[in-house]
């Protein structure tokens, strides 16, 4: 009787089946890891954007000498030198516009997550403005989650620098 070196057809089919099952399982895991990485990247982008928005808003309000709003989606800040910064709430962004000169405008966009609500609120005595960004998770019994809540006093840096009289 002769002995053949090699594999039978059944052994090859079993090894192909096992490797196919392992490949499908690994592809599912790779897909989950890629989705997790993508959502983590989006959360980090929104977090950085909220941090920048809070910092810029506080700085602008403290440097401003006057604040105007026509409705809750637009806030216009006027500085002592006459420069104007406008905050506008768009669909998935907050837009900060600052006139550089007569022909140029500097625009900066702050990313918002889906279903985020942005609100500008005025508090009096002393005059303060607040920006709050919340996200409604649409879960029954759970309040909207605050993503950003920044309050700043109008003209604070001007008073500290002695450029504006203190209101009594």
N, C-alpha and C. Protein backbone atom coordinates (compact mmCIF):
# COMPACT_ATOMS: atom_id res chain seq x y z
N UNK A 1 0.81 -1.15 0.00
CA UNK A 1 0.00 0.00 0.00
C UNK A 1 0.88 1.25 0.00
N UNK A 2 0.46 2.20 -0.85
CA UNK A 2 1.26 3.41 -0.97
C UNK A 2 0.69 4.49 -0.06
N UNK A 3 1.61 5.28 0.49
CA UNK A 3 1.23 6.38 1.37
C UNK A 3 1.43 7.70 0.61
N UNK A 4 0.36 8.52 0.51
CA UNK A 4 0.43 9.79 -0.21
C UNK A 4 0.62 10.93 0.79
N UNK A 5 1.55 11.81 0.47
CA UNK A 5 1.71 13.03 1.26
C UNK A 5 0.79 14.09 0.66
N UNK A 6 -0.06 14.70 1.50
CA UNK A 6 -0.97 15.73 1.01
C UNK A 6 -2.22 15.76 1.85
N UNK A 7 -3.17 16.56 1.39
CA UNK A 7 -4.43 16.75 2.12
C UNK A 7 -5.57 16.20 1.29
N UNK A 8 -6.55 15.72 2.00
CA UNK A 8 -7.75 15.27 1.29
C UNK A 8 -8.65 16.48 1.05
N UNK A 9 -9.61 16.29 0.18
CA UNK A 9 -10.53 17.37 -0.14
C UNK A 9 -11.33 17.79 1.08
N UNK A 10 -11.70 16.87 1.92
CA UNK A 10 -12.46 17.18 3.13
C UNK A 10 -11.62 18.02 4.09
N UNK A 11 -10.36 17.71 4.26
CA UNK A 11 -9.49 18.49 5.14
C UNK A 11 -9.33 19.93 4.63
N UNK A 12 -9.20 20.11 3.33
CA UNK A 12 -9.07 21.45 2.75
C UNK A 12 -10.37 22.24 2.97
N UNK A 13 -11.53 21.60 2.75
CA UNK A 13 -12.80 22.27 2.93
C UNK A 13 -13.01 22.68 4.39
N UNK A 14 -12.62 21.83 5.33
CA UNK A 14 -12.76 22.15 6.76
C UNK A 14 -11.86 23.34 7.12
N UNK A 15 -10.65 23.36 6.63
CA UNK A 15 -9.74 24.47 6.95
C UNK A 15 -10.23 25.78 6.33
N UNK A 16 -10.78 25.72 5.11
CA UNK A 16 -11.33 26.93 4.49
C UNK A 16 -12.54 27.43 5.27
N UNK A 17 -13.39 26.53 5.74
CA UNK A 17 -14.57 26.92 6.53
C UNK A 17 -14.16 27.57 7.84
N UNK A 18 -13.21 26.99 8.53
CA UNK A 18 -12.75 27.55 9.81
C UNK A 18 -12.12 28.92 9.59
N UNK A 19 -11.29 29.05 8.58
CA UNK A 19 -10.66 30.35 8.32
C UNK A 19 -11.69 31.40 7.90
N UNK A 20 -12.74 31.00 7.19
CA UNK A 20 -13.81 31.93 6.82
C UNK A 20 -14.55 32.44 8.05
N UNK A 21 -14.86 31.54 8.96
CA UNK A 21 -15.56 31.94 10.19
C UNK A 21 -14.68 32.91 10.99
N UNK A 22 -13.40 32.62 11.12
CA UNK A 22 -12.49 33.50 11.85
C UNK A 22 -12.38 34.87 11.18
N UNK A 23 -12.37 34.89 9.85
CA UNK A 23 -12.28 36.15 9.13
C UNK A 23 -13.54 37.00 9.34
N UNK A 24 -14.71 36.38 9.30
CA UNK A 24 -15.96 37.12 9.51
C UNK A 24 -16.00 37.70 10.92
N UNK A 25 -15.57 36.92 11.91
CA UNK A 25 -15.55 37.42 13.29
C UNK A 25 -14.57 38.59 13.44
N UNK A 26 -13.42 38.48 12.82
CA UNK A 26 -12.43 39.56 12.94
C UNK A 26 -12.89 40.82 12.20
N UNK A 27 -13.58 40.67 11.06
CA UNK A 27 -14.10 41.83 10.35
C UNK A 27 -15.16 42.57 11.17
N UNK A 28 -16.00 41.81 11.87
CA UNK A 28 -17.00 42.43 12.74
C UNK A 28 -16.33 43.23 13.85
N UNK A 29 -15.26 42.69 14.41
CA UNK A 29 -14.54 43.38 15.47
C UNK A 29 -13.85 44.64 14.93
N UNK A 30 -13.26 44.54 13.75
CA UNK A 30 -12.61 45.71 13.13
C UNK A 30 -13.64 46.80 12.85
N UNK A 31 -14.81 46.41 12.39
CA UNK A 31 -15.88 47.38 12.12
C UNK A 31 -16.30 48.10 13.41
N UNK A 32 -16.46 47.36 14.50
CA UNK A 32 -16.83 47.97 15.78
C UNK A 32 -15.74 48.92 16.27
N UNK A 33 -14.48 48.54 16.14
CA UNK A 33 -13.37 49.39 16.57
C UNK A 33 -13.33 50.68 15.74
N UNK A 34 -13.57 50.58 14.44
CA UNK A 34 -13.57 51.76 13.59
C UNK A 34 -14.72 52.71 13.95
N UNK A 35 -15.91 52.17 14.25
CA UNK A 35 -17.03 53.01 14.67
C UNK A 35 -16.74 53.69 16.01
N UNK A 36 -16.15 52.96 16.94
CA UNK A 36 -15.79 53.52 18.24
C UNK A 36 -14.76 54.64 18.08
N UNK A 37 -13.78 54.43 17.23
CA UNK A 37 -12.75 55.45 16.98
C UNK A 37 -13.36 56.68 16.35
N UNK A 38 -14.29 56.50 15.42
CA UNK A 38 -14.95 57.62 14.76
C UNK A 38 -15.78 58.43 15.75
N UNK A 39 -16.54 57.77 16.60
CA UNK A 39 -17.36 58.50 17.57
C UNK A 39 -16.48 59.19 18.61
N UNK A 40 -15.38 58.57 19.00
CA UNK A 40 -14.44 59.21 19.93
C UNK A 40 -13.82 60.45 19.30
N UNK A 41 -13.48 60.37 18.04
CA UNK A 41 -12.91 61.52 17.34
C UNK A 41 -13.93 62.66 17.26
N UNK A 42 -15.21 62.33 16.98
CA UNK A 42 -16.25 63.35 16.92
C UNK A 42 -16.47 64.00 18.29
N UNK A 43 -16.48 63.19 19.34
CA UNK A 43 -16.65 63.74 20.69
C UNK A 43 -15.47 64.64 21.06
N UNK A 44 -14.27 64.26 20.70
CA UNK A 44 -13.09 65.09 20.99
C UNK A 44 -13.16 66.40 20.21
N UNK A 45 -13.61 66.35 18.96
CA UNK A 45 -13.74 67.56 18.13
C UNK A 45 -14.75 68.51 18.75
N UNK A 46 -15.90 68.00 19.18
CA UNK A 46 -16.92 68.84 19.80
C UNK A 46 -16.42 69.40 21.13
N UNK A 47 -15.73 68.59 21.90
CA UNK A 47 -15.20 69.04 23.18
C UNK A 47 -14.19 70.18 23.00
N UNK A 48 -13.29 70.04 22.04
CA UNK A 48 -12.33 71.12 21.75
C UNK A 48 -13.06 72.37 21.28
N UNK A 49 -14.07 72.18 20.46
CA UNK A 49 -14.84 73.31 19.94
C UNK A 49 -15.58 74.03 21.06
N UNK A 50 -16.18 73.30 21.99
CA UNK A 50 -16.88 73.91 23.12
C UNK A 50 -15.92 74.67 24.03
N UNK A 51 -14.73 74.13 24.21
CA UNK A 51 -13.71 74.80 25.02
C UNK A 51 -13.31 76.12 24.38
N UNK A 52 -13.05 76.10 23.07
CA UNK A 52 -12.69 77.33 22.35
C UNK A 52 -13.83 78.34 22.39
N UNK A 53 -15.07 77.88 22.18
CA UNK A 53 -16.23 78.77 22.19
C UNK A 53 -16.37 79.44 23.55
N UNK A 54 -16.26 78.69 24.62
CA UNK A 54 -16.37 79.26 25.97
C UNK A 54 -15.29 80.30 26.23
N UNK A 55 -14.07 79.99 25.85
CA UNK A 55 -12.95 80.92 26.06
C UNK A 55 -13.14 82.19 25.24
N UNK A 56 -13.45 82.05 23.96
CA UNK A 56 -13.61 83.22 23.09
C UNK A 56 -14.81 84.07 23.50
N UNK A 57 -15.91 83.42 23.87
CA UNK A 57 -17.11 84.15 24.29
C UNK A 57 -16.81 84.97 25.54
N UNK A 58 -16.18 84.34 26.54
CA UNK A 58 -15.86 85.05 27.79
C UNK A 58 -14.94 86.23 27.51
N UNK A 59 -13.93 86.01 26.69
CA UNK A 59 -12.98 87.07 26.37
C UNK A 59 -13.67 88.22 25.63
N UNK A 60 -14.51 87.91 24.65
CA UNK A 60 -15.19 88.95 23.88
C UNK A 60 -16.15 89.76 24.74
N UNK A 61 -16.93 89.10 25.59
CA UNK A 61 -17.89 89.81 26.43
C UNK A 61 -17.16 90.70 27.42
N UNK A 62 -16.07 90.22 28.00
CA UNK A 62 -15.33 91.02 28.97
C UNK A 62 -14.64 92.22 28.32
N UNK A 63 -14.29 92.12 27.04
CA UNK A 63 -13.66 93.24 26.33
C UNK A 63 -14.68 94.18 25.72
N UNK A 64 -15.95 93.81 25.67
CA UNK A 64 -16.96 94.62 24.98
C UNK A 64 -17.42 95.78 25.85
N UNK A 65 -17.90 96.81 25.16
CA UNK A 65 -18.47 97.96 25.88
C UNK A 65 -20.00 97.99 25.72
N UNK A 66 -20.52 97.30 24.71
CA UNK A 66 -21.97 97.24 24.50
C UNK A 66 -22.35 95.91 23.88
N UNK A 67 -23.53 95.44 24.22
CA UNK A 67 -24.03 94.16 23.70
C UNK A 67 -25.44 94.38 23.19
N UNK A 68 -25.71 93.87 21.98
CA UNK A 68 -27.05 93.96 21.41
C UNK A 68 -27.45 92.59 20.89
N UNK A 69 -28.74 92.34 20.95
CA UNK A 69 -29.28 91.11 20.38
C UNK A 69 -30.64 91.41 19.80
N UNK A 70 -30.91 90.88 18.61
CA UNK A 70 -32.23 91.09 18.02
C UNK A 70 -33.15 89.92 18.32
N UNK A 71 -32.58 88.78 18.51
CA UNK A 71 -33.31 87.59 18.96
C UNK A 71 -32.27 86.65 19.55
N UNK A 72 -32.68 85.52 20.04
CA UNK A 72 -31.76 84.68 20.80
C UNK A 72 -30.70 83.97 19.96
N UNK A 73 -30.75 84.04 18.65
CA UNK A 73 -29.78 83.33 17.82
C UNK A 73 -28.64 84.22 17.34
N UNK A 74 -28.68 85.53 17.63
CA UNK A 74 -27.63 86.45 17.20
C UNK A 74 -27.26 87.35 18.37
N UNK A 75 -25.96 87.47 18.64
CA UNK A 75 -25.47 88.35 19.69
C UNK A 75 -24.36 89.20 19.09
N UNK A 76 -24.48 90.53 19.25
CA UNK A 76 -23.51 91.45 18.66
C UNK A 76 -22.81 92.21 19.78
N UNK A 77 -21.47 92.10 19.81
CA UNK A 77 -20.66 92.75 20.83
C UNK A 77 -19.86 93.88 20.19
N UNK A 78 -19.90 95.06 20.81
CA UNK A 78 -19.15 96.20 20.31
C UNK A 78 -18.04 96.52 21.30
N UNK A 79 -16.82 96.68 20.79
CA UNK A 79 -15.67 96.97 21.63
C UNK A 79 -15.45 98.47 21.72
N UNK A 80 -14.59 98.90 22.64
CA UNK A 80 -14.31 100.32 22.85
C UNK A 80 -13.70 100.97 21.61
N UNK A 81 -12.96 100.20 20.81
CA UNK A 81 -12.34 100.77 19.61
C UNK A 81 -13.28 100.77 18.41
N UNK A 82 -14.53 100.37 18.60
CA UNK A 82 -15.52 100.36 17.53
C UNK A 82 -15.63 99.04 16.79
N UNK A 83 -14.75 98.09 17.06
CA UNK A 83 -14.81 96.78 16.41
C UNK A 83 -16.07 96.04 16.88
N UNK A 84 -16.59 95.20 16.00
CA UNK A 84 -17.82 94.46 16.30
C UNK A 84 -17.57 92.97 16.09
N UNK A 85 -18.01 92.17 17.04
CA UNK A 85 -17.98 90.71 16.93
C UNK A 85 -19.41 90.22 17.02
N UNK A 86 -19.79 89.35 16.09
CA UNK A 86 -21.14 88.81 16.06
C UNK A 86 -21.10 87.30 16.22
N UNK A 87 -21.94 86.80 17.11
CA UNK A 87 -22.12 85.35 17.28
C UNK A 87 -23.47 84.99 16.68
N UNK A 88 -23.48 84.01 15.76
CA UNK A 88 -24.72 83.53 15.14
C UNK A 88 -24.83 82.03 15.34
N UNK A 89 -26.03 81.58 15.65
CA UNK A 89 -26.28 80.15 15.80
C UNK A 89 -26.77 79.62 14.47
N UNK A 90 -26.02 78.69 13.89
CA UNK A 90 -26.41 78.03 12.65
C UNK A 90 -26.86 76.62 12.98
N UNK A 91 -27.10 75.79 11.97
CA UNK A 91 -27.62 74.44 12.21
C UNK A 91 -26.69 73.60 13.10
N UNK A 92 -25.48 73.40 12.66
CA UNK A 92 -24.55 72.56 13.43
C UNK A 92 -23.30 73.32 13.84
N UNK A 93 -23.39 74.65 13.84
CA UNK A 93 -22.24 75.48 14.18
C UNK A 93 -22.69 76.73 14.91
N UNK A 94 -21.76 77.32 15.64
CA UNK A 94 -21.89 78.70 16.09
C UNK A 94 -20.83 79.45 15.29
N UNK A 95 -21.24 80.53 14.64
CA UNK A 95 -20.35 81.32 13.80
C UNK A 95 -19.97 82.59 14.54
N UNK A 96 -18.67 82.84 14.65
CA UNK A 96 -18.16 84.08 15.23
C UNK A 96 -17.56 84.89 14.09
N UNK A 97 -18.11 86.10 13.87
CA UNK A 97 -17.63 86.97 12.79
C UNK A 97 -17.06 88.24 13.40
N UNK A 98 -15.89 88.61 12.91
CA UNK A 98 -15.26 89.84 13.36
C UNK A 98 -14.75 90.60 12.15
N UNK A 99 -15.18 91.84 12.00
CA UNK A 99 -14.73 92.66 10.88
C UNK A 99 -13.27 93.06 11.12
N UNK A 100 -12.39 92.66 10.20
CA UNK A 100 -10.97 92.98 10.31
C UNK A 100 -10.74 94.38 9.76
N UNK A 101 -11.25 94.66 8.59
CA UNK A 101 -11.26 95.99 8.01
C UNK A 101 -12.49 96.09 7.11
N UNK A 102 -12.57 97.12 6.28
CA UNK A 102 -13.78 97.32 5.48
C UNK A 102 -14.05 96.19 4.49
N UNK A 103 -13.00 95.53 4.03
CA UNK A 103 -13.20 94.53 2.99
C UNK A 103 -13.06 93.08 3.48
N UNK A 104 -12.56 92.89 4.69
CA UNK A 104 -12.32 91.52 5.16
C UNK A 104 -13.06 91.25 6.48
N UNK A 105 -13.53 90.02 6.60
CA UNK A 105 -14.18 89.57 7.82
C UNK A 105 -13.55 88.25 8.25
N UNK A 106 -13.23 88.16 9.51
CA UNK A 106 -12.67 86.92 10.05
C UNK A 106 -13.82 86.08 10.60
N UNK A 107 -13.90 84.84 10.12
CA UNK A 107 -14.97 83.93 10.56
C UNK A 107 -14.36 82.71 11.24
N UNK A 108 -15.01 82.31 12.31
CA UNK A 108 -14.60 81.10 13.01
C UNK A 108 -15.84 80.29 13.33
N UNK A 109 -15.79 79.00 13.03
CA UNK A 109 -16.92 78.11 13.26
C UNK A 109 -16.61 77.20 14.45
N UNK A 110 -17.59 77.04 15.30
CA UNK A 110 -17.50 76.13 16.45
C UNK A 110 -18.50 75.01 16.21
N UNK A 111 -18.01 73.79 16.15
CA UNK A 111 -18.86 72.64 15.86
C UNK A 111 -19.78 72.33 17.04
N UNK A 112 -21.00 71.98 16.71
CA UNK A 112 -21.98 71.56 17.70
C UNK A 112 -22.39 70.12 17.42
N UNK A 113 -22.73 69.36 18.44
CA UNK A 113 -23.26 68.02 18.17
C UNK A 113 -24.67 68.12 17.62
N UNK A 114 -25.14 67.03 17.06
CA UNK A 114 -26.51 67.00 16.55
C UNK A 114 -27.48 67.22 17.71
N UNK A 115 -28.58 67.88 17.45
CA UNK A 115 -29.63 68.15 18.44
C UNK A 115 -29.17 69.05 19.59
N UNK A 116 -28.20 69.92 19.34
CA UNK A 116 -27.74 70.84 20.39
C UNK A 116 -28.55 72.13 20.32
N UNK A 117 -28.84 72.69 21.48
CA UNK A 117 -29.54 73.96 21.58
C UNK A 117 -28.59 74.99 22.17
N UNK A 118 -28.50 76.16 21.51
CA UNK A 118 -27.64 77.24 21.97
C UNK A 118 -28.54 78.40 22.38
N UNK A 119 -28.23 78.98 23.53
CA UNK A 119 -29.04 80.08 24.03
C UNK A 119 -28.15 81.15 24.64
N UNK A 120 -28.42 82.41 24.28
CA UNK A 120 -27.76 83.56 24.88
C UNK A 120 -28.72 84.16 25.90
N UNK A 121 -28.25 84.38 27.13
CA UNK A 121 -29.10 84.88 28.19
C UNK A 121 -28.43 86.08 28.84
N UNK A 122 -29.23 87.13 29.09
CA UNK A 122 -28.71 88.32 29.77
C UNK A 122 -29.10 88.27 31.24
N UNK A 123 -28.13 88.57 32.10
CA UNK A 123 -28.36 88.68 33.54
C UNK A 123 -28.01 90.11 33.92
N UNK A 124 -28.81 90.73 34.77
CA UNK A 124 -28.58 92.13 35.12
C UNK A 124 -27.97 92.26 36.51
N UNK A 125 -27.39 93.44 36.74
CA UNK A 125 -26.84 93.86 38.02
C UNK A 125 -25.74 92.95 38.52
N UNK A 126 -24.54 93.05 38.08
CA UNK A 126 -24.05 93.78 36.92
C UNK A 126 -24.43 93.03 35.64
N UNK A 127 -24.30 93.73 34.53
CA UNK A 127 -24.70 93.15 33.25
C UNK A 127 -23.78 91.99 32.90
N UNK A 128 -24.36 90.83 32.76
CA UNK A 128 -23.61 89.63 32.39
C UNK A 128 -24.37 88.93 31.28
N UNK A 129 -23.61 88.26 30.43
CA UNK A 129 -24.21 87.45 29.37
C UNK A 129 -23.72 86.02 29.53
N UNK A 130 -24.61 85.12 29.23
CA UNK A 130 -24.31 83.70 29.35
C UNK A 130 -24.60 83.01 28.03
N UNK A 131 -23.72 82.11 27.67
CA UNK A 131 -24.00 81.21 26.55
C UNK A 131 -24.12 79.81 27.13
N UNK A 132 -25.18 79.13 26.75
CA UNK A 132 -25.34 77.75 27.20
C UNK A 132 -25.66 76.87 25.99
N UNK A 133 -24.97 75.75 25.95
CA UNK A 133 -25.18 74.77 24.90
C UNK A 133 -25.62 73.49 25.59
N UNK A 134 -26.80 73.01 25.24
CA UNK A 134 -27.31 71.77 25.82
C UNK A 134 -27.67 70.80 24.71
N UNK A 135 -27.68 69.55 25.06
CA UNK A 135 -28.03 68.50 24.11
C UNK A 135 -29.10 67.62 24.73
N UNK A 136 -30.23 67.53 24.05
CA UNK A 136 -31.33 66.71 24.54
C UNK A 136 -31.14 65.28 24.04
N UNK A 137 -30.98 64.36 24.98
CA UNK A 137 -30.80 62.96 24.63
C UNK A 137 -32.11 62.27 24.28
N UNK A 138 -33.21 62.98 24.47
CA UNK A 138 -34.55 62.49 24.16
C UNK A 138 -34.89 61.21 24.90
N UNK A 139 -34.49 61.19 26.17
CA UNK A 139 -34.84 60.08 27.04
C UNK A 139 -35.86 60.58 28.05
N UNK A 140 -36.89 59.82 28.26
CA UNK A 140 -37.97 60.22 29.14
C UNK A 140 -37.43 60.31 30.57
N UNK A 141 -37.70 61.45 31.22
CA UNK A 141 -37.29 61.64 32.60
C UNK A 141 -35.87 62.13 32.78
N UNK A 142 -35.13 62.33 31.69
CA UNK A 142 -33.75 62.80 31.79
C UNK A 142 -33.67 64.19 31.15
N UNK A 143 -33.18 65.14 31.93
CA UNK A 143 -33.08 66.53 31.46
C UNK A 143 -32.00 66.64 30.39
N UNK A 144 -32.09 67.68 29.54
CA UNK A 144 -31.03 67.88 28.55
C UNK A 144 -29.66 68.03 29.21
N UNK A 145 -28.65 67.49 28.57
CA UNK A 145 -27.30 67.47 29.12
C UNK A 145 -26.56 68.76 28.76
N UNK A 146 -26.06 69.52 29.76
CA UNK A 146 -25.31 70.74 29.43
C UNK A 146 -23.92 70.39 28.89
N UNK A 147 -23.57 70.99 27.75
CA UNK A 147 -22.25 70.80 27.17
C UNK A 147 -21.35 71.99 27.46
N UNK A 148 -21.95 73.18 27.57
CA UNK A 148 -21.19 74.39 27.83
C UNK A 148 -22.09 75.37 28.54
N UNK A 149 -21.55 76.02 29.55
CA UNK A 149 -22.27 77.07 30.25
C UNK A 149 -21.22 78.07 30.71
N UNK A 150 -21.16 79.21 30.00
CA UNK A 150 -20.15 80.22 30.27
C UNK A 150 -20.83 81.56 30.48
N UNK A 151 -20.46 82.24 31.58
CA UNK A 151 -21.02 83.55 31.88
C UNK A 151 -19.87 84.54 32.01
N UNK A 152 -20.09 85.75 31.47
CA UNK A 152 -19.06 86.78 31.55
C UNK A 152 -19.70 88.13 31.77
N UNK A 153 -18.97 89.00 32.47
CA UNK A 153 -19.45 90.34 32.78
C UNK A 153 -19.02 91.31 31.68
N UNK A 154 -19.97 92.07 31.17
CA UNK A 154 -19.70 93.02 30.10
C UNK A 154 -18.75 94.11 30.59
N UNK A 155 -17.67 94.35 29.84
CA UNK A 155 -16.73 95.43 30.13
C UNK A 155 -15.80 95.19 31.29
N UNK A 156 -15.73 94.00 31.80
CA UNK A 156 -14.89 93.72 32.97
C UNK A 156 -13.43 94.05 32.71
N UNK A 157 -12.89 93.65 31.58
CA UNK A 157 -11.49 93.93 31.28
C UNK A 157 -11.26 95.41 31.03
N UNK A 158 -12.26 96.10 30.48
CA UNK A 158 -12.13 97.55 30.28
C UNK A 158 -12.04 98.27 31.62
N UNK A 159 -12.87 97.88 32.59
CA UNK A 159 -12.83 98.50 33.91
C UNK A 159 -11.52 98.21 34.62
N UNK A 160 -11.03 96.97 34.48
CA UNK A 160 -9.77 96.63 35.12
C UNK A 160 -8.61 97.42 34.53
N UNK A 161 -8.70 97.73 33.25
CA UNK A 161 -7.65 98.50 32.59
C UNK A 161 -7.85 100.01 32.77
N UNK A 162 -8.97 100.42 33.37
CA UNK A 162 -9.24 101.83 33.61
C UNK A 162 -9.72 102.57 32.38
N UNK A 163 -10.21 101.84 31.36
CA UNK A 163 -10.66 102.48 30.13
C UNK A 163 -12.11 102.91 30.18
N UNK A 164 -12.84 102.41 31.15
CA UNK A 164 -14.26 102.73 31.25
C UNK A 164 -14.59 102.98 32.70
N UNK A 165 -15.45 103.94 32.96
CA UNK A 165 -15.83 104.23 34.33
C UNK A 165 -16.67 103.10 34.89
N UNK A 166 -16.52 102.89 36.19
CA UNK A 166 -17.30 101.86 36.85
C UNK A 166 -18.72 102.39 37.05
N UNK A 167 -19.72 101.62 36.60
CA UNK A 167 -21.12 102.02 36.77
C UNK A 167 -21.55 101.73 38.20
N UNK A 168 -22.28 102.68 38.76
CA UNK A 168 -22.71 102.51 40.15
C UNK A 168 -24.19 102.29 40.21
